[in-house]
C-alpha atoms as a PDB file:
ATOM      1  CA  MET A   1       0.007   0.031  -0.064  1.00  0.00           C
ATOM      2  CA  GLU A   2       2.815   2.310   0.793  1.00  0.00           C
ATOM      3  CA  THR A   3       4.392   1.755  -2.446  1.00  0.00           C
ATOM      4  CA  LEU A   4       1.191   2.435  -4.272  1.00  0.00           C
ATOM      5  CA  LEU A   5       0.849   5.782  -2.360  1.00  0.00           C
ATOM      6  CA  SER A   6       4.465   6.726  -3.185  1.00  0.00           C
ATOM      7  CA  LEU A   7       3.766   5.937  -6.983  1.00  0.00           C
ATOM      8  CA  PHE A   8       0.807   8.350  -7.042  1.00  0.00           C
ATOM      9  CA  SER A   9       2.645  11.093  -5.280  1.00  0.00           C
ATOM     10  CA  ASP A  10       5.703  10.887  -7.767  1.00  0.00           C
ATOM     11  CA  PRO A  11       6.032  14.208  -9.477  1.00  0.00           C
ATOM     12  CA  VAL A  12       5.944  12.464 -12.960  1.00  0.00           C
ATOM     13  CA  VAL A  13       2.542  11.130 -12.009  1.00  0.00           C
ATOM     14  CA  THR A  14       1.090  14.312 -10.685  1.00  0.00           C
ATOM     15  CA  ARG A  15       2.458  16.299 -13.693  1.00  0.00           C
ATOM     16  CA  ALA A  16       1.254  13.955 -16.235  1.00  0.00           C
ATOM     17  CA  LEU A  17      -2.224  13.871 -14.667  1.00  0.00           C
ATOM     18  CA  GLY A  18      -2.140  17.744 -14.420  1.00  0.00           C
ATOM     19  CA  ALA A  19      -1.079  18.240 -18.020  1.00  0.00           C
ATOM     20  CA  THR A  20      -3.642  15.792 -19.211  1.00  0.00           C
ATOM     21  CA  LEU A  21      -6.411  17.510 -17.475  1.00  0.00           C
ATOM     22  CA  SER A  22      -5.084  20.829 -18.688  1.00  0.00           C
ATOM     23  CA  VAL A  23      -5.481  19.409 -22.218  1.00  0.00           C
ATOM     24  CA  VAL A  24      -8.950  18.084 -21.679  1.00  0.00           C
ATOM     25  CA  LEU A  25     -10.130  21.311 -19.962  1.00  0.00           C
ATOM     26  CA  LEU A  26      -8.433  23.803 -22.455  1.00  0.00           C
ATOM     27  CA  VAL A  27      -9.825  21.941 -25.490  1.00  0.00           C
ATOM     28  CA  GLY A  28     -13.264  21.748 -23.934  1.00  0.00           C
ATOM     29  CA  ALA A  29     -13.221  25.492 -23.230  1.00  0.00           C
ATOM     30  CA  TRP A  30     -12.101  26.326 -26.701  1.00  0.00           C
ATOM     31  CA  HIS A  31     -14.910  24.432 -28.293  1.00  0.00           C
ATOM     32  CA  LYS A  32     -17.394  26.155 -26.023  1.00  0.00           C
ATOM     33  CA  LEU A  33     -15.955  29.590 -26.620  1.00  0.00           C
ATOM     34  CA  LYS A  34     -15.718  29.213 -30.350  1.00  0.00           C
ATOM     35  CA  ASP A  35     -19.419  28.844 -30.738  1.00  0.00           C
ATOM     36  CA  PRO A  36     -21.191  30.477 -27.741  1.00  0.00           C
ATOM     37  CA  LEU A  37     -24.635  30.231 -29.224  1.00  0.00           C
ATOM     38  CA  VAL A  38     -24.457  26.562 -29.633  1.00  0.00           C
ATOM     39  CA  PHE A  39     -23.112  26.052 -26.075  1.00  0.00           C
ATOM     40  CA  SER A  40     -25.846  28.445 -24.743  1.00  0.00           C
ATOM     41  CA  ALA A  41     -28.452  26.189 -26.353  1.00  0.00           C
ATOM     42  CA  ALA A  42     -26.823  23.137 -24.869  1.00  0.00           C
ATOM     43  CA  VAL A  43     -27.014  24.769 -21.497  1.00  0.00           C
ATOM     44  CA  ASP A  44     -30.625  25.630 -21.947  1.00  0.00           C
ATOM     45  CA  ASN A  45     -31.532  22.198 -22.976  1.00  0.00           C
ATOM     46  CA  TYR A  46     -30.567  20.990 -19.443  1.00  0.00           C
ATOM     47  CA  ARG A  47     -33.577  23.021 -18.105  1.00  0.00           C
ATOM     48  CA  LEU A  48     -31.684  23.767 -14.849  1.00  0.00           C
ATOM     49  CA  VAL A  49     -31.552  27.613 -15.066  1.00  0.00           C
ATOM     50  CA  PRO A  50     -34.097  30.158 -16.271  1.00  0.00           C
ATOM     51  CA  GLU A  51     -33.788  30.521 -20.109  1.00  0.00           C
ATOM     52  CA  ARG A  52     -32.559  34.270 -19.711  1.00  0.00           C
ATOM     53  CA  LEU A  53     -29.598  33.051 -17.614  1.00  0.00           C
ATOM     54  CA  SER A  54     -28.455  30.310 -20.082  1.00  0.00           C
ATOM     55  CA  PRO A  55     -26.133  32.767 -21.945  1.00  0.00           C
ATOM     56  CA  LEU A  56     -24.565  33.914 -18.694  1.00  0.00           C
ATOM     57  CA  VAL A  57     -24.013  30.415 -17.543  1.00  0.00           C
ATOM     58  CA  ALA A  58     -22.735  29.437 -20.997  1.00  0.00           C
ATOM     59  CA  GLY A  59     -20.224  32.382 -20.849  1.00  0.00           C
ATOM     60  CA  VAL A  60     -18.925  31.622 -17.229  1.00  0.00           C
ATOM     61  CA  LEU A  61     -18.498  27.852 -17.481  1.00  0.00           C
ATOM     62  CA  PRO A  62     -15.850  27.885 -20.369  1.00  0.00           C
ATOM     63  CA  ILE A  63     -13.981  30.780 -18.584  1.00  0.00           C
ATOM     64  CA  VAL A  64     -13.722  28.712 -15.329  1.00  0.00           C
ATOM     65  CA  GLU A  65     -12.841  25.684 -17.500  1.00  0.00           C
ATOM     66  CA  LEU A  66     -10.048  27.773 -19.163  1.00  0.00           C
ATOM     67  CA  ALA A  67      -8.746  28.967 -15.886  1.00  0.00           C
ATOM     68  CA  ALA A  68      -8.679  25.532 -14.375  1.00  0.00           C
ATOM     69  CA  GLY A  69      -6.864  24.099 -17.332  1.00  0.00           C
ATOM     70  CA  GLY A  70      -4.261  26.798 -17.269  1.00  0.00           C
ATOM     71  CA  LEU A  71      -3.642  26.704 -13.626  1.00  0.00           C
ATOM     72  CA  LEU A  72      -3.252  22.757 -13.549  1.00  0.00           C
ATOM     73  CA  LEU A  73      -0.550  23.044 -15.989  1.00  0.00           C
ATOM     74  CA  PHE A  74       2.073  24.358 -13.566  1.00  0.00           C
ATOM     75  CA  PRO A  75       2.932  22.792 -10.270  1.00  0.00           C
ATOM     76  CA  GLU A  76       2.868  26.133  -8.398  1.00  0.00           C
ATOM     77  CA  THR A  77      -0.817  26.836  -9.343  1.00  0.00           C
ATOM     78  CA  ALA A  78      -2.018  23.252  -9.749  1.00  0.00           C
ATOM     79  CA  PHE A  79      -3.724  23.193  -6.330  1.00  0.00           C
ATOM     80  CA  ILE A  80      -5.869  26.257  -7.054  1.00  0.00           C
ATOM     81  CA  GLY A  81      -6.593  24.937 -10.641  1.00  0.00           C
ATOM     82  CA  GLY A  82      -7.538  21.540  -9.146  1.00  0.00           C
ATOM     83  CA  LEU A  83     -10.117  23.363  -6.775  1.00  0.00           C
ATOM     84  CA  LEU A  84     -11.642  25.168  -9.845  1.00  0.00           C
ATOM     85  CA  ALA A  85     -11.639  21.915 -11.862  1.00  0.00           C
ATOM     86  CA  LEU A  86     -13.239  19.976  -8.960  1.00  0.00           C
ATOM     87  CA  LEU A  87     -15.945  22.762  -8.579  1.00  0.00           C
ATOM     88  CA  LEU A  88     -16.646  22.826 -12.380  1.00  0.00           C
ATOM     89  CA  LEU A  89     -16.786  19.059 -12.671  1.00  0.00           C
ATOM     90  CA  ALA A  90     -19.061  18.659  -9.628  1.00  0.00           C
ATOM     91  CA  THR A  91     -21.421  21.253 -11.156  1.00  0.00           C
ATOM     92  CA  VAL A  92     -21.664  19.763 -14.612  1.00  0.00           C
ATOM     93  CA  THR A  93     -21.758  16.177 -13.268  1.00  0.00           C
ATOM     94  CA  SER A  94     -24.723  17.095 -11.004  1.00  0.00           C
ATOM     95  CA  ALA A  95     -26.389  18.739 -14.042  1.00  0.00           C
ATOM     96  CA  VAL A  96     -25.928  15.388 -16.060  1.00  0.00           C
ATOM     97  CA  ALA A  97     -27.110  13.296 -13.239  1.00  0.00           C
ATOM     98  CA  ILE A  98     -30.254  15.298 -12.516  1.00  0.00           C
ATOM     99  CA  ASN A  99     -31.139  15.168 -16.213  1.00  0.00           C
ATOM    100  CA  VAL A 100     -30.430  11.344 -16.414  1.00  0.00           C
ATOM    101  CA  LEU A 101     -32.679  10.868 -13.212  1.00  0.00           C
ATOM    102  CA  ARG A 102     -35.377  12.883 -15.049  1.00  0.00           C
ATOM    103  CA  GLY A 103     -35.051  10.653 -18.099  1.00  0.00           C
ATOM    104  CA  HIS A 104     -33.999  13.676 -20.124  1.00  0.00           C
ATOM    105  CA  THR A 105     -31.159  12.099 -21.996  1.00  0.00           C
ATOM    106  CA  LYS A 106     -31.624  12.789 -25.685  1.00  0.00           C
ATOM    107  CA  ILE A 107     -29.851  16.073 -25.584  1.00  0.00           C
ATOM    108  CA  ASP A 108     -26.112  16.924 -26.388  1.00  0.00           C
ATOM    109  CA  CYS A 109     -24.050  16.933 -23.278  1.00  0.00           C
ATOM    110  CA  GLY A 110     -22.396  20.277 -24.425  1.00  0.00           C
ATOM    111  CA  CYS A 111     -19.052  18.774 -23.299  1.00  0.00           C
ATOM    112  CA  GLY A 112     -17.167  20.319 -26.148  1.00  0.00           C
ATOM    113  CA  GLY A 113     -16.074  19.099 -29.499  1.00  0.00           C
ATOM    114  CA  LEU A 114     -18.149  15.857 -29.421  1.00  0.00           C
ATOM    115  CA  SER A 115     -21.511  16.859 -30.793  1.00  0.00           C
ATOM    116  CA  GLY A 116     -24.248  14.423 -30.477  1.00  0.00           C
ATOM    117  CA  GLN A 117     -23.069  12.828 -27.209  1.00  0.00           C
ATOM    118  CA  PRO A 118     -26.200  12.124 -25.260  1.00  0.00           C
ATOM    119  CA  LEU A 119     -26.400  12.287 -21.426  1.00  0.00           C
ATOM    120  CA  SER A 120     -25.871   8.970 -19.697  1.00  0.00           C
ATOM    121  CA  TRP A 121     -24.527   7.456 -16.393  1.00  0.00           C
ATOM    122  CA  ALA A 122     -21.245   6.882 -18.450  1.00  0.00           C
ATOM    123  CA  LEU A 123     -20.757  10.655 -18.414  1.00  0.00           C
ATOM    124  CA  VAL A 124     -21.173  10.683 -14.683  1.00  0.00           C
ATOM    125  CA  VAL A 125     -18.636   7.972 -14.222  1.00  0.00           C
ATOM    126  CA  ARG A 126     -16.235   9.651 -16.634  1.00  0.00           C
ATOM    127  CA  ASN A 127     -16.461  12.878 -14.673  1.00  0.00           C
ATOM    128  CA  GLY A 128     -16.019  10.968 -11.476  1.00  0.00           C
ATOM    129  CA  LEU A 129     -12.684   9.487 -12.802  1.00  0.00           C
ATOM    130  CA  LEU A 130     -11.706  12.951 -13.923  1.00  0.00           C
ATOM    131  CA  MET A 131     -12.353  14.283 -10.402  1.00  0.00           C
ATOM    132  CA  GLY A 132     -10.160  11.452  -8.987  1.00  0.00           C
ATOM    133  CA  MET A 133      -7.498  12.434 -11.437  1.00  0.00           C
ATOM    134  CA  VAL A 134      -7.774  16.139 -10.506  1.00  0.00           C
ATOM    135  CA  ALA A 135      -7.425  15.112  -6.756  1.00  0.00           C
ATOM    136  CA  LEU A 136      -4.157  13.256  -7.582  1.00  0.00           C
ATOM    137  CA  ALA A 137      -2.869  16.089  -9.771  1.00  0.00           C
ATOM    138  CA  MET A 138      -3.310  18.398  -6.800  1.00  0.00           C
ATOM    139  CA  GLN A 139      -0.819  16.698  -4.727  1.00  0.00           C
ATOM    140  CA  GLU A 140       2.439  18.387  -4.079  1.00  0.00           C
ATOM    141  CA  GLY A 141       4.355  15.243  -5.026  1.00  0.00           C
ATOM    142  CA  ALA A 142       7.469  13.885  -3.680  1.00  0.00           C
ATOM    143  CA  ALA A 143      10.405  16.347  -3.452  1.00  0.00           C
ATOM    144  CA  ARG A 144      12.756  15.257  -6.081  1.00  0.00           C
ATOM    145  CA  THR A 145      14.087  17.002  -9.258  1.00  0.00           C
ATOM    146  CA  LEU A 146      12.729  15.854 -12.485  1.00  0.00           C
ATOM    147  CA  VAL A 147      15.369  14.826 -15.102  1.00  0.00           C
ATOM    148  CA  TRP A 148      15.050  14.782 -18.920  1.00  0.00           C
ATOM    149  CA  ALA A 149      13.725  11.141 -18.892  1.00  0.00           C
ATOM    150  CA  ASP A 150      10.963  12.231 -16.481  1.00  0.00           C
ATOM    151  CA  TYR A 151       9.806  14.886 -19.055  1.00  0.00           C
ATOM    152  CA  LEU A 152       9.790  12.282 -21.756  1.00  0.00           C
ATOM    153  CA  THR A 153       7.718   9.850 -19.531  1.00  0.00           C
ATOM    154  CA  VAL A 154       5.298  12.797 -18.742  1.00  0.00           C
ATOM    155  CA  GLY A 155       4.984  13.706 -22.432  1.00  0.00           C
ATOM    156  CA  GLY A 156       4.321   9.987 -23.358  1.00  0.00           C
ATOM    157  CA  ALA A 157       1.781   9.601 -20.503  1.00  0.00           C
ATOM    158  CA  VAL A 158      -0.139  12.596 -21.526  1.00  0.00           C
ATOM    159  CA  LEU A 159      -0.380  11.512 -25.145  1.00  0.00           C
ATOM    160  CA  ALA A 160      -1.554   8.038 -23.870  1.00  0.00           C
ATOM    161  CA  LEU A 161      -4.134   9.476 -21.415  1.00  0.00           C
ATOM    162  CA  VAL A 162      -5.576  11.992 -23.806  1.00  0.00           C
ATOM    163  CA  GLY A 163      -5.850   9.137 -26.402  1.00  0.00           C
ATOM    164  CA  ILE A 164      -7.682   7.022 -23.857  1.00  0.00           C
ATOM    165  CA  TYR A 165     -10.069  10.054 -23.039  1.00  0.00           C
ATOM    166  CA  VAL A 166     -10.761  10.567 -26.665  1.00  0.00           C
ATOM    167  CA  SER A 167     -11.358   6.980 -27.299  1.00  0.00           C
ATOM    168  CA  ALA A 168     -13.675   6.499 -24.401  1.00  0.00           C
ATOM    169  CA  ASN A 169     -15.714   9.616 -25.383  1.00  0.00           C
ATOM    170  CA  GLN A 170     -16.055   8.355 -28.857  1.00  0.00           C
ATOM    171  CA  LEU A 171     -17.295   4.943 -27.445  1.00  0.00           C
ATOM    172  CA  MET A 172     -19.949   6.717 -25.343  1.00  0.00           C
ATOM    173  CA  THR A 173     -21.089   8.658 -28.306  1.00  0.00           C
ATOM    174  CA  ASN A 174     -21.364   5.668 -30.538  1.00  0.00           C
ATOM    175  CA  ALA A 175     -23.009   3.273 -27.800  1.00  0.00           C
ATOM    176  CA  PRO A 176     -26.611   4.520 -28.399  1.00  0.00           C
ATOM    177  CA  LEU A 177     -26.161   3.912 -32.176  1.00  0.00           C
ATOM    178  CA  ALA A 178     -24.708   0.429 -31.673  1.00  0.00           C
ATOM    179  CA  LEU A 179     -27.708  -0.461 -29.300  1.00  0.00           C
ATOM    180  CA  ALA A 180     -30.178   0.868 -31.880  1.00  0.00           C
ATOM    181  CA  VAL A 181     -28.582  -1.290 -34.677  1.00  0.00           C
ATOM    182  CA  ARG A 182     -28.917  -4.438 -32.408  1.00  0.00           C
ATOM    183  CA  LYS A 183     -32.699  -4.083 -31.874  1.00  0.00           C
END
């Protein structure tokens, strides 16, 4: 158990997780900011805020996402970025869960860049895993100096984790189509 805990506090692990989360959050924010009307409509589809507040919420969420992604990238600001990311993820995950419980699942999640991804419990699980990654990335990590091989490992890990994230999202997008074909 102690070995596992020391592995998760290694600066290579915390930096790889922080950088991966930064990529996910920054890309998500960019997709929302480049087409604010579409994202505002996605927020409105959740039916959790009055319609007149949807543009305001749609304007604030990507800014928080952008700030969290930028702050998670650097070890000195990772803790504050992690707090913002946890707040953001808890908010959007609650919105998804409320709508899944309502049976209101045939709307786009508005996650950014993946149009047509319906709401599901899989999104709630995905966001729960992201929150776990944020908690690990917020750790200060063991006090050791990173060497060039560590930076190569961080880069490779980020590429692998982003690839897993994109693949998992595509599988969640395709799942309703695959189920419809089986029937």
